Amino acid sequence: MTDTATIQVLIPTPLRRFTHGEARVDAAGATITELLDALDARYPGLAAQIRESDGEIRRFVNVFVNGDNVRDRGGAATPLRPGDEVGIIPAMAGGRE
């Protein structure tokens, strides 16, 4: 890991079972991939909910860095800087017909 950044990560309610109920956690990483690896080391099983086995973000999960979707920036390779805020948003489906 080079130029590791400390990042605040916003955890959605469905994934808080992995973070012992915490809605915000800090982790380090120079990229989204490194950040997810660090999160998974501390909260086993969390990263598997967010990314596919090839490392890319799951189709029905959105990850934002400072409000920008990483799909528009570089996906899992999106670089991070100290002080960035990462939000994990699972897609919602359903509703009335």
C-alpha atoms as a PDB file:
ATOM      1  CA  MET A   1       0.000   0.000   0.000  1.00  0.00           C
ATOM      2  CA  THR A   2       1.368   3.396  -0.941  1.00  0.00           C
ATOM      3  CA  ASP A   3       0.145   6.802   0.185  1.00  0.00           C
ATOM      4  CA  THR A   4      -2.457   5.176   2.386  1.00  0.00           C
ATOM      5  CA  ALA A   5      -5.305   7.505   3.248  1.00  0.00           C
ATOM      6  CA  THR A   6      -7.523   7.375   6.312  1.00  0.00           C
ATOM      7  CA  ILE A   7     -11.084   7.398   5.045  1.00  0.00           C
ATOM      8  CA  GLN A   8     -14.453   7.633   6.769  1.00  0.00           C
ATOM      9  CA  VAL A   9     -16.844   4.994   5.443  1.00  0.00           C
ATOM     10  CA  LEU A  10     -20.613   5.288   5.780  1.00  0.00           C
ATOM     11  CA  ILE A  11     -22.133   1.848   6.326  1.00  0.00           C
ATOM     12  CA  PRO A  12     -25.759   1.272   5.259  1.00  0.00           C
ATOM     13  CA  THR A  13     -28.148  -0.344   7.721  1.00  0.00           C
ATOM     14  CA  PRO A  14     -28.228  -3.788   5.999  1.00  0.00           C
ATOM     15  CA  LEU A  15     -24.418  -4.097   6.310  1.00  0.00           C
ATOM     16  CA  ARG A  16     -24.063  -2.876   9.901  1.00  0.00           C
ATOM     17  CA  ARG A  17     -24.306  -6.454  11.158  1.00  0.00           C
ATOM     18  CA  PHE A  18     -20.714  -6.778   9.903  1.00  0.00           C
ATOM     19  CA  THR A  19     -19.543  -3.602  11.690  1.00  0.00           C
ATOM     20  CA  HIS A  20     -21.125  -4.407  15.068  1.00  0.00           C
ATOM     21  CA  GLY A  21     -23.856  -1.847  14.431  1.00  0.00           C
ATOM     22  CA  GLU A  22     -21.517   1.019  13.561  1.00  0.00           C
ATOM     23  CA  ALA A  23     -22.869   3.439  10.939  1.00  0.00           C
ATOM     24  CA  ARG A  24     -19.479   5.100  10.340  1.00  0.00           C
ATOM     25  CA  VAL A  25     -16.092   3.437  10.453  1.00  0.00           C
ATOM     26  CA  ASP A  26     -12.586   4.570   9.577  1.00  0.00           C
ATOM     27  CA  ALA A  27     -10.284   2.558   7.367  1.00  0.00           C
ATOM     28  CA  ALA A  28      -7.165   3.144   5.315  1.00  0.00           C
ATOM     29  CA  GLY A  29      -6.502   2.667   1.637  1.00  0.00           C
ATOM     30  CA  ALA A  30      -5.090   4.433  -1.384  1.00  0.00           C
ATOM     31  CA  THR A  31      -7.872   3.019  -3.590  1.00  0.00           C
ATOM     32  CA  ILE A  32     -11.379   1.599  -3.125  1.00  0.00           C
ATOM     33  CA  THR A  33      -9.884  -1.900  -3.477  1.00  0.00           C
ATOM     34  CA  GLU A  34      -7.389  -1.282  -0.674  1.00  0.00           C
ATOM     35  CA  LEU A  35     -10.089   0.299   1.465  1.00  0.00           C
ATOM     36  CA  LEU A  36     -12.370  -2.725   1.025  1.00  0.00           C
ATOM     37  CA  ASP A  37      -9.465  -5.067   1.835  1.00  0.00           C
ATOM     38  CA  ALA A  38      -8.809  -3.123   5.056  1.00  0.00           C
ATOM     39  CA  LEU A  39     -12.499  -3.156   5.966  1.00  0.00           C
ATOM     40  CA  ASP A  40     -12.706  -6.897   5.327  1.00  0.00           C
ATOM     41  CA  ALA A  41      -9.675  -7.551   7.527  1.00  0.00           C
ATOM     42  CA  ARG A  42     -11.420  -5.785  10.420  1.00  0.00           C
ATOM     43  CA  TYR A  43     -14.989  -6.833   9.556  1.00  0.00           C
ATOM     44  CA  PRO A  44     -14.809 -10.261   7.871  1.00  0.00           C
ATOM     45  CA  GLY A  45     -17.442 -10.828   5.208  1.00  0.00           C
ATOM     46  CA  LEU A  46     -18.183  -7.146   4.583  1.00  0.00           C
ATOM     47  CA  ALA A  47     -16.261  -6.821   1.322  1.00  0.00           C
ATOM     48  CA  ALA A  48     -17.999  -9.876  -0.162  1.00  0.00           C
ATOM     49  CA  GLN A  49     -21.267  -7.981   0.149  1.00  0.00           C
ATOM     50  CA  ILE A  50     -19.860  -5.044  -1.836  1.00  0.00           C
ATOM     51  CA  ARG A  51     -17.695  -6.549  -4.559  1.00  0.00           C
ATOM     52  CA  GLU A  52     -17.622  -9.520  -6.900  1.00  0.00           C
ATOM     53  CA  SER A  53     -14.947 -12.221  -6.754  1.00  0.00           C
ATOM     54  CA  ASP A  54     -13.036 -10.361  -9.503  1.00  0.00           C
ATOM     55  CA  GLY A  55     -12.819  -7.296  -7.228  1.00  0.00           C
ATOM     56  CA  GLU A  56     -15.278  -5.086  -9.077  1.00  0.00           C
ATOM     57  CA  ILE A  57     -18.179  -3.439  -7.292  1.00  0.00           C
ATOM     58  CA  ARG A  58     -21.354  -5.549  -7.352  1.00  0.00           C
ATOM     59  CA  ARG A  59     -23.924  -4.462  -9.896  1.00  0.00           C
ATOM     60  CA  PHE A  60     -26.548  -3.629  -7.273  1.00  0.00           C
ATOM     61  CA  VAL A  61     -24.233  -1.717  -4.954  1.00  0.00           C
ATOM     62  CA  ASN A  62     -23.181   1.873  -5.458  1.00  0.00           C
ATOM     63  CA  VAL A  63     -20.045   3.281  -3.875  1.00  0.00           C
ATOM     64  CA  PHE A  64     -19.552   7.030  -3.685  1.00  0.00           C
ATOM     65  CA  VAL A  65     -16.442   9.064  -2.894  1.00  0.00           C
ATOM     66  CA  ASN A  66     -17.384  12.533  -1.687  1.00  0.00           C
ATOM     67  CA  GLY A  67     -20.728  12.147  -3.452  1.00  0.00           C
ATOM     68  CA  ASP A  68     -19.321  10.930  -6.802  1.00  0.00           C
ATOM     69  CA  ASN A  69     -20.164   7.411  -7.972  1.00  0.00           C
ATOM     70  CA  VAL A  70     -16.956   5.384  -8.412  1.00  0.00           C
ATOM     71  CA  ARG A  71     -18.430   3.824 -11.560  1.00  0.00           C
ATOM     72  CA  ASP A  72     -17.846   7.235 -13.158  1.00  0.00           C
ATOM     73  CA  ARG A  73     -14.302   7.548 -11.779  1.00  0.00           C
ATOM     74  CA  GLY A  74     -12.465   4.250 -12.074  1.00  0.00           C
ATOM     75  CA  GLY A  75     -14.486   1.664 -10.226  1.00  0.00           C
ATOM     76  CA  ALA A  76     -12.608  -0.271  -7.572  1.00  0.00           C
ATOM     77  CA  ALA A  77      -9.348   1.384  -8.692  1.00  0.00           C
ATOM     78  CA  THR A  78     -10.657   4.859  -7.779  1.00  0.00           C
ATOM     79  CA  PRO A  79      -7.930   6.656  -5.799  1.00  0.00           C
ATOM     80  CA  LEU A  80      -8.610   7.991  -2.313  1.00  0.00           C
ATOM     81  CA  ARG A  81      -7.130  10.906  -0.378  1.00  0.00           C
ATOM     82  CA  PRO A  82      -6.984  11.585   3.355  1.00  0.00           C
ATOM     83  CA  GLY A  83     -10.280  13.005   4.534  1.00  0.00           C
ATOM     84  CA  ASP A  84     -12.383  11.482   1.762  1.00  0.00           C
ATOM     85  CA  GLU A  85     -15.784  10.102   2.686  1.00  0.00           C
ATOM     86  CA  VAL A  86     -16.945   6.854   1.108  1.00  0.00           C
ATOM     87  CA  GLY A  87     -20.620   5.945   1.082  1.00  0.00           C
ATOM     88  CA  ILE A  88     -21.859   2.444   0.339  1.00  0.00           C
ATOM     89  CA  ILE A  89     -25.411   2.383  -0.986  1.00  0.00           C
ATOM     90  CA  PRO A  90     -27.146  -0.902  -1.800  1.00  0.00           C
ATOM     91  CA  ALA A  91     -29.712  -0.594  -4.567  1.00  0.00           C
ATOM     92  CA  MET A  92     -33.334  -0.697  -3.515  1.00  0.00           C
ATOM     93  CA  ALA A  93     -36.013  -2.421  -5.547  1.00  0.00           C
ATOM     94  CA  GLY A  94     -39.699  -3.007  -5.278  1.00  0.00           C
ATOM     95  CA  GLY A  95     -42.595  -0.782  -4.447  1.00  0.00           C
ATOM     96  CA  ARG A  96     -46.107  -0.430  -5.689  1.00  0.00           C
ATOM     97  CA  GLU A  97     -47.152  -1.436  -9.161  1.00  0.00           C
END
